[in-house]
């Protein structure tokens, strides 16, 4: 009798543990289906996305995350091992996740995306990538019933060039897709070492909750406001970009929730590091700031030694 009571108690505890898990805060789905689809065809080439969908899920309107890979607009793939792992983990938490390819307009160009690439070409590169992400978003919204997507709860995320693309895409006014639920804004954006060329695009109607990862000593994409790649003013590729710190300041003025995650002394490696090392920060942002809509202003500082003379006009980490 004692043995039966003990077994019953253990089953009750196990059952309570299972049912206490919650979508978007815990990994509640083991089986994830991955499908590759073409969302657009441009310049004679198919642009594909991989969509990760939780199986055995009764929910018909799920929060969705779109991930944009990095690679300097000349390389990178949507299905690298670390990206596949990240997308699968997010789908385990109940999200629909799409990782997409986009036009790599600087591929095989001798000036790449550095200081010899004319600034006008850099801006056109941004615009082309933004257009592709917008097309992928439209594709997902059109097929929302098939994949169980809530069009009002789509989060953009990206690393490096993908972060620049995600940020430039997210800070747009609501777009009308003809939905009964009304115009669509992105529900949030996650930038991993990203920047934008113009902060005036962020205003009351375009600002969205933002999670901004950046290293203070990023040698390619400035943490605050500085030339892209720190190019000299006489170089063709000289263009001022506004990184995570400056974006956070603008969001503060607009009273829009943000989470600035600064790594003191870190460089451009922060473009990929959060996918694994700060995964819990990403899931917390998605749940608190987007799912619950309870975001605030946060600044997490990862300690390190900042090179203030080379990269920034003052020390962000000790002010």
Protein backbone atom coordinates (compact mmCIF):
# COMPACT_ATOMS: atom_id res chain seq x y z
CA UNK A 1 0.00 0.00 0.00
CA UNK A 2 2.84 2.35 0.90
CA UNK A 3 4.56 1.54 -2.38
CA UNK A 4 1.38 2.32 -4.38
CA UNK A 5 0.92 5.64 -2.56
CA UNK A 6 4.51 6.57 -3.29
CA UNK A 7 4.10 5.72 -6.98
CA UNK A 8 0.89 7.77 -7.15
CA UNK A 9 2.58 10.76 -5.53
CA UNK A 10 5.46 10.58 -7.99
CA UNK A 11 3.03 10.53 -10.92
CA UNK A 12 1.21 13.57 -9.53
CA UNK A 13 4.49 15.47 -9.18
CA UNK A 14 5.57 14.52 -12.68
CA UNK A 15 2.22 15.54 -14.12
CA UNK A 16 2.35 18.89 -12.30
CA UNK A 17 5.85 19.55 -13.66
CA UNK A 18 4.72 18.86 -17.22
CA UNK A 19 1.61 21.01 -17.04
CA UNK A 20 3.43 23.84 -15.27
CA UNK A 21 5.51 24.39 -18.39
CA UNK A 22 4.29 27.30 -20.45
CA UNK A 23 4.57 28.11 -24.14
CA UNK A 24 7.19 30.78 -24.91
CA UNK A 25 8.88 30.38 -21.50
CA UNK A 26 9.72 26.67 -21.60
CA UNK A 27 10.68 24.14 -24.29
CA UNK A 28 7.30 22.39 -24.53
CA UNK A 29 7.49 20.91 -28.05
CA UNK A 30 9.88 18.10 -28.94
CA UNK A 31 8.92 17.53 -32.56
CA UNK A 32 9.64 20.36 -35.02
CA UNK A 33 8.83 20.20 -38.70
CA UNK A 34 11.21 22.10 -41.04
CA UNK A 35 10.15 22.97 -44.57
CA UNK A 36 11.96 24.97 -47.28
CA UNK A 37 9.79 27.29 -49.36
CA UNK A 38 10.37 29.91 -52.04
CA UNK A 39 8.97 33.29 -51.01
CA UNK A 40 10.08 35.28 -54.09
CA UNK A 41 12.05 35.03 -57.32
CA UNK A 42 14.32 37.94 -58.23
CA UNK A 43 17.01 38.37 -60.87
CA UNK A 44 16.25 34.84 -62.01
CA UNK A 45 17.01 33.32 -58.60
CA UNK A 46 14.68 31.83 -56.02
CA UNK A 47 14.76 33.34 -52.56
CA UNK A 48 13.99 30.64 -50.02
CA UNK A 49 13.17 30.42 -46.36
CA UNK A 50 13.24 27.55 -43.90
CA UNK A 51 10.20 27.50 -41.66
CA UNK A 52 10.26 25.70 -38.31
CA UNK A 53 6.83 24.73 -36.98
CA UNK A 54 6.03 22.98 -33.66
CA UNK A 55 4.11 19.75 -34.23
CA UNK A 56 1.10 18.41 -32.29
CA UNK A 57 0.18 22.00 -31.45
CA UNK A 58 -3.46 23.09 -31.25
CA UNK A 59 -2.64 26.82 -31.28
CA UNK A 60 -3.64 28.48 -34.57
CA UNK A 61 -2.15 31.97 -34.03
CA UNK A 62 1.44 31.75 -32.83
CA UNK A 63 4.10 34.36 -32.25
CA UNK A 64 6.57 34.18 -35.13
CA UNK A 65 10.25 35.06 -35.36
CA UNK A 66 11.99 35.85 -38.65
CA UNK A 67 15.78 35.48 -38.58
CA UNK A 68 18.12 37.20 -41.07
CA UNK A 69 21.69 35.86 -41.29
CA UNK A 70 24.86 37.92 -41.47
CA UNK A 71 27.76 37.85 -43.89
CA UNK A 72 28.48 41.39 -45.06
CA UNK A 73 25.80 41.16 -47.79
CA UNK A 74 28.22 38.96 -49.72
CA UNK A 75 28.00 35.60 -47.94
CA UNK A 76 26.38 33.61 -45.18
CA UNK A 77 23.59 31.06 -45.31
CA UNK A 78 20.22 30.80 -43.65
CA UNK A 79 20.83 27.16 -42.65
CA UNK A 80 24.22 27.18 -40.97
CA UNK A 81 24.45 24.76 -38.06
CA UNK A 82 24.27 27.41 -35.33
CA UNK A 83 21.27 29.04 -37.02
CA UNK A 84 19.46 25.72 -37.37
CA UNK A 85 20.08 25.02 -33.70
CA UNK A 86 18.79 28.46 -32.67
CA UNK A 87 15.66 28.22 -34.84
CA UNK A 88 14.89 24.72 -33.56
CA UNK A 89 15.26 25.83 -29.93
CA UNK A 90 12.92 28.77 -30.48
CA UNK A 91 10.37 26.45 -32.11
CA UNK A 92 10.71 24.13 -29.09
CA UNK A 93 9.35 27.07 -27.06
CA UNK A 94 6.28 27.29 -29.29
CA UNK A 95 7.33 29.93 -31.78
CA UNK A 96 7.01 29.60 -35.52
CA UNK A 97 10.46 30.50 -36.87
CA UNK A 98 11.55 31.41 -40.38
CA UNK A 99 15.20 31.74 -41.45
CA UNK A 100 15.51 33.36 -44.84
CA UNK A 101 17.89 33.95 -47.70
CA UNK A 102 18.02 37.37 -49.31
CA UNK A 103 19.87 39.01 -52.19
CA UNK A 104 23.59 39.21 -51.48
CA UNK A 105 24.19 42.24 -53.65
CA UNK A 106 27.86 42.58 -52.64
CA UNK A 107 28.73 38.98 -53.49
CA UNK A 108 31.86 38.73 -55.67
CA UNK A 109 32.13 42.51 -55.80
CA UNK A 110 35.80 43.56 -55.50
CA UNK A 111 35.00 46.34 -53.03
CA UNK A 112 32.80 44.01 -50.92
CA UNK A 113 31.05 46.10 -48.21
CA UNK A 114 34.07 47.91 -46.83
CA UNK A 115 35.64 51.33 -47.13
CA UNK A 116 36.07 51.07 -50.92
CA UNK A 117 32.40 50.32 -51.48
CA UNK A 118 30.69 53.65 -52.39
CA UNK A 119 28.30 54.87 -49.74
CA UNK A 120 25.47 55.02 -52.29
CA UNK A 121 26.01 51.32 -53.01
CA UNK A 122 25.87 50.58 -49.28
CA UNK A 123 22.52 52.32 -48.98
CA UNK A 124 21.16 50.49 -52.04
CA UNK A 125 22.34 47.24 -50.47
CA UNK A 126 20.34 48.02 -47.34
CA UNK A 127 17.26 48.87 -49.41
CA UNK A 128 17.41 45.63 -51.43
CA UNK A 129 17.72 43.46 -48.32
CA UNK A 130 14.88 45.34 -46.59
CA UNK A 131 12.68 44.77 -49.63
CA UNK A 132 13.41 41.04 -49.49
CA UNK A 133 12.52 40.79 -45.79
CA UNK A 134 9.31 42.70 -46.44
CA UNK A 135 8.46 40.24 -49.24
CA UNK A 136 9.19 37.28 -46.96
CA UNK A 137 6.95 38.82 -44.28
CA UNK A 138 4.16 39.29 -46.81
CA UNK A 139 4.56 35.65 -47.89
CA UNK A 140 4.24 34.43 -44.30
CA UNK A 141 1.22 36.62 -43.62
CA UNK A 142 -0.47 35.42 -46.80
CA UNK A 143 0.09 31.83 -45.64
CA UNK A 144 -0.63 32.52 -41.97
CA UNK A 145 -3.45 29.97 -41.74
CA UNK A 146 -1.26 27.18 -43.08
CA UNK A 147 1.49 27.84 -40.55
CA UNK A 148 -0.57 29.12 -37.62
CA UNK A 149 0.94 32.62 -37.57
CA UNK A 150 -0.40 35.64 -35.71
CA UNK A 151 0.33 38.51 -38.14
CA UNK A 152 0.29 41.04 -35.30
CA UNK A 153 3.01 39.17 -33.38
CA UNK A 154 5.96 38.90 -35.77
CA UNK A 155 9.45 39.56 -34.39
CA UNK A 156 12.43 40.35 -36.61
CA UNK A 157 15.93 39.24 -35.62
CA UNK A 158 19.28 39.40 -37.36
CA UNK A 159 23.04 39.26 -36.97
CA UNK A 160 25.54 41.77 -38.43
CA UNK A 161 24.32 42.51 -41.98
CA UNK A 162 21.14 40.69 -40.98
CA UNK A 163 20.82 42.96 -37.95
CA UNK A 164 21.21 46.04 -40.13
CA UNK A 165 18.51 44.61 -42.39
CA UNK A 166 16.21 43.71 -39.49
CA UNK A 167 16.53 47.12 -37.83
CA UNK A 168 16.01 49.04 -41.07
CA UNK A 169 12.96 46.89 -41.81
CA UNK A 170 11.41 46.98 -38.35
CA UNK A 171 11.44 50.75 -37.91
CA UNK A 172 8.79 51.34 -40.56
CA UNK A 173 5.24 52.61 -40.03
CA UNK A 174 2.44 50.00 -39.98
CA UNK A 175 1.76 48.39 -43.34
CA UNK A 176 -1.73 47.54 -44.51
CA UNK A 177 -2.06 43.92 -45.62
CA UNK A 178 -5.86 44.11 -45.84
CA UNK A 179 -6.30 42.12 -42.62
CA UNK A 180 -9.37 42.32 -40.41
CA UNK A 181 -6.99 42.86 -37.49
CA UNK A 182 -5.76 46.07 -39.09
CA UNK A 183 -2.36 47.39 -40.26
CA UNK A 184 0.70 45.42 -39.22
CA UNK A 185 3.79 46.62 -37.40
CA UNK A 186 6.53 44.27 -36.36
CA UNK A 187 5.92 43.34 -32.74
CA UNK A 188 9.61 43.62 -31.87
CA UNK A 189 13.12 43.52 -33.26
CA UNK A 190 16.35 41.87 -32.11
CA UNK A 191 19.57 43.36 -33.45
CA UNK A 192 22.88 41.56 -32.89
CA UNK A 193 25.60 44.08 -33.80
CA UNK A 194 23.42 46.15 -36.09
CA UNK A 195 22.99 49.81 -37.00
CA UNK A 196 20.92 52.15 -39.15
CA UNK A 197 21.98 55.12 -41.32
CA UNK A 198 19.18 57.46 -40.18
CA UNK A 199 17.55 57.71 -36.76
CA UNK A 200 14.74 59.96 -38.03
CA UNK A 201 13.02 56.81 -39.31
CA UNK A 202 12.31 55.99 -35.65
CA UNK A 203 9.32 57.99 -34.45
CA UNK A 204 6.11 57.32 -32.54
CA UNK A 205 4.40 55.36 -35.32
CA UNK A 206 7.46 53.29 -36.28
CA UNK A 207 9.24 52.58 -32.99
CA UNK A 208 8.89 48.99 -31.72
CA UNK A 209 10.23 47.14 -28.65
CA UNK A 210 13.89 46.37 -29.31
CA UNK A 211 16.56 44.03 -27.97
CA UNK A 212 19.96 45.42 -28.96
CA UNK A 213 23.12 43.34 -28.51
CA UNK A 214 26.43 45.09 -29.20
CA UNK A 215 30.10 45.12 -28.30
CA UNK A 216 31.44 48.55 -27.39
CA UNK A 217 34.61 47.93 -29.45
CA UNK A 218 32.91 46.64 -32.59
CA UNK A 219 35.38 47.41 -35.37
CA UNK A 220 32.84 47.04 -38.20
CA UNK A 221 29.45 48.27 -37.03
CA UNK A 222 29.65 51.10 -34.46
CA UNK A 223 28.17 50.61 -31.01
CA UNK A 224 27.08 54.25 -30.93
CA UNK A 225 27.40 56.76 -33.80
CA UNK A 226 30.50 56.56 -35.99
CA UNK A 227 31.58 55.76 -39.56
CA UNK A 228 30.77 52.27 -40.83
CA UNK A 229 33.94 50.15 -40.58
CA UNK A 230 35.51 53.31 -39.09
CA UNK A 231 36.35 54.37 -42.66
CA UNK A 232 38.25 57.62 -43.14
CA UNK A 233 36.22 60.54 -44.43
CA UNK A 234 38.05 60.57 -47.78
CA UNK A 235 37.13 56.94 -48.55
CA UNK A 236 34.25 56.11 -50.94
CA UNK A 237 32.62 53.94 -48.26
CA UNK A 238 32.48 56.64 -45.60
CA UNK A 239 28.99 56.66 -44.14
CA UNK A 240 27.79 57.40 -40.62
CA UNK A 241 25.83 54.65 -38.93
CA UNK A 242 23.94 54.72 -35.66
CA UNK A 243 24.41 51.60 -33.57
CA UNK A 244 22.63 50.07 -30.61
CA UNK A 245 23.48 52.73 -28.03
CA UNK A 246 22.20 55.57 -30.19
CA UNK A 247 19.07 53.61 -31.13
CA UNK A 248 18.38 52.97 -27.44
CA UNK A 249 18.69 56.70 -26.73
CA UNK A 250 16.11 57.45 -29.43
CA UNK A 251 13.73 54.79 -28.09
CA UNK A 252 14.12 56.29 -24.60
CA UNK A 253 13.00 59.68 -25.90
CA UNK A 254 9.97 58.04 -27.51
CA UNK A 255 9.16 56.06 -24.35
CA UNK A 256 9.38 52.80 -26.32
CA UNK A 257 10.55 49.67 -24.43
CA UNK A 258 14.07 48.52 -25.18
CA UNK A 259 16.75 46.25 -23.77
CA UNK A 260 20.30 47.39 -24.53
CA UNK A 261 22.78 44.56 -23.96
CA UNK A 262 26.31 46.00 -23.99
CA UNK A 263 29.46 43.86 -23.92
CA UNK A 264 32.35 46.06 -22.78
CA UNK A 265 35.48 45.61 -24.85
CA UNK A 266 33.85 43.09 -27.19
CA UNK A 267 34.06 43.35 -30.97
CA UNK A 268 31.94 42.11 -33.84
CA UNK A 269 31.77 38.59 -32.43
CA UNK A 270 28.61 39.75 -30.65
CA UNK A 271 26.89 39.35 -34.03
CA UNK A 272 26.62 35.59 -33.46
CA UNK A 273 27.27 35.09 -29.75
CA UNK A 274 23.69 35.73 -28.50
CA UNK A 275 22.25 32.83 -30.53
CA UNK A 276 23.68 30.48 -27.92
CA UNK A 277 25.26 32.39 -25.03
CA UNK A 278 22.35 34.80 -24.51
CA UNK A 279 19.52 32.57 -25.66
CA UNK A 280 17.72 33.07 -22.33
CA UNK A 281 17.86 36.85 -22.83
CA UNK A 282 16.24 36.43 -26.25
CA UNK A 283 13.41 34.23 -24.92
CA UNK A 284 12.82 36.60 -22.00
CA UNK A 285 12.61 39.58 -24.36
CA UNK A 286 10.23 37.77 -26.70
CA UNK A 287 7.96 36.72 -23.85
CA UNK A 288 7.98 39.85 -21.65
CA UNK A 289 8.30 42.58 -24.29
CA UNK A 290 6.23 41.00 -27.09
CA UNK A 291 3.96 38.22 -25.84
CA UNK A 292 3.02 39.95 -22.58
CA UNK A 293 3.58 43.52 -23.78
CA UNK A 294 5.16 44.41 -20.43
CA UNK A 295 8.51 45.74 -21.64
CA UNK A 296 10.45 48.47 -19.90
CA UNK A 297 13.86 50.11 -20.30
CA UNK A 298 16.81 47.85 -19.50
CA UNK A 299 20.56 48.08 -19.88
CA UNK A 300 22.62 44.97 -19.23
CA UNK A 301 26.38 45.57 -19.10
CA UNK A 302 28.77 42.66 -19.55
CA UNK A 303 31.99 43.72 -17.88
CA UNK A 304 35.20 44.12 -19.85
CA UNK A 305 37.86 46.65 -20.77
CA UNK A 306 36.76 49.14 -23.38
CA UNK A 307 39.20 50.77 -25.81
CA UNK A 308 37.76 54.27 -25.51
CA UNK A 309 40.48 55.99 -27.54
CA UNK A 310 39.94 53.89 -30.67
CA UNK A 311 36.24 53.19 -30.83
CA UNK A 312 34.19 55.72 -28.87
CA UNK A 313 34.31 59.34 -27.72
CA UNK A 314 33.71 58.37 -24.09
CA UNK A 315 33.42 55.30 -21.93
CA UNK A 316 29.93 53.83 -22.14
CA UNK A 317 30.79 51.20 -19.57
CA UNK A 318 31.70 53.43 -16.63
CA UNK A 319 29.56 56.52 -17.17
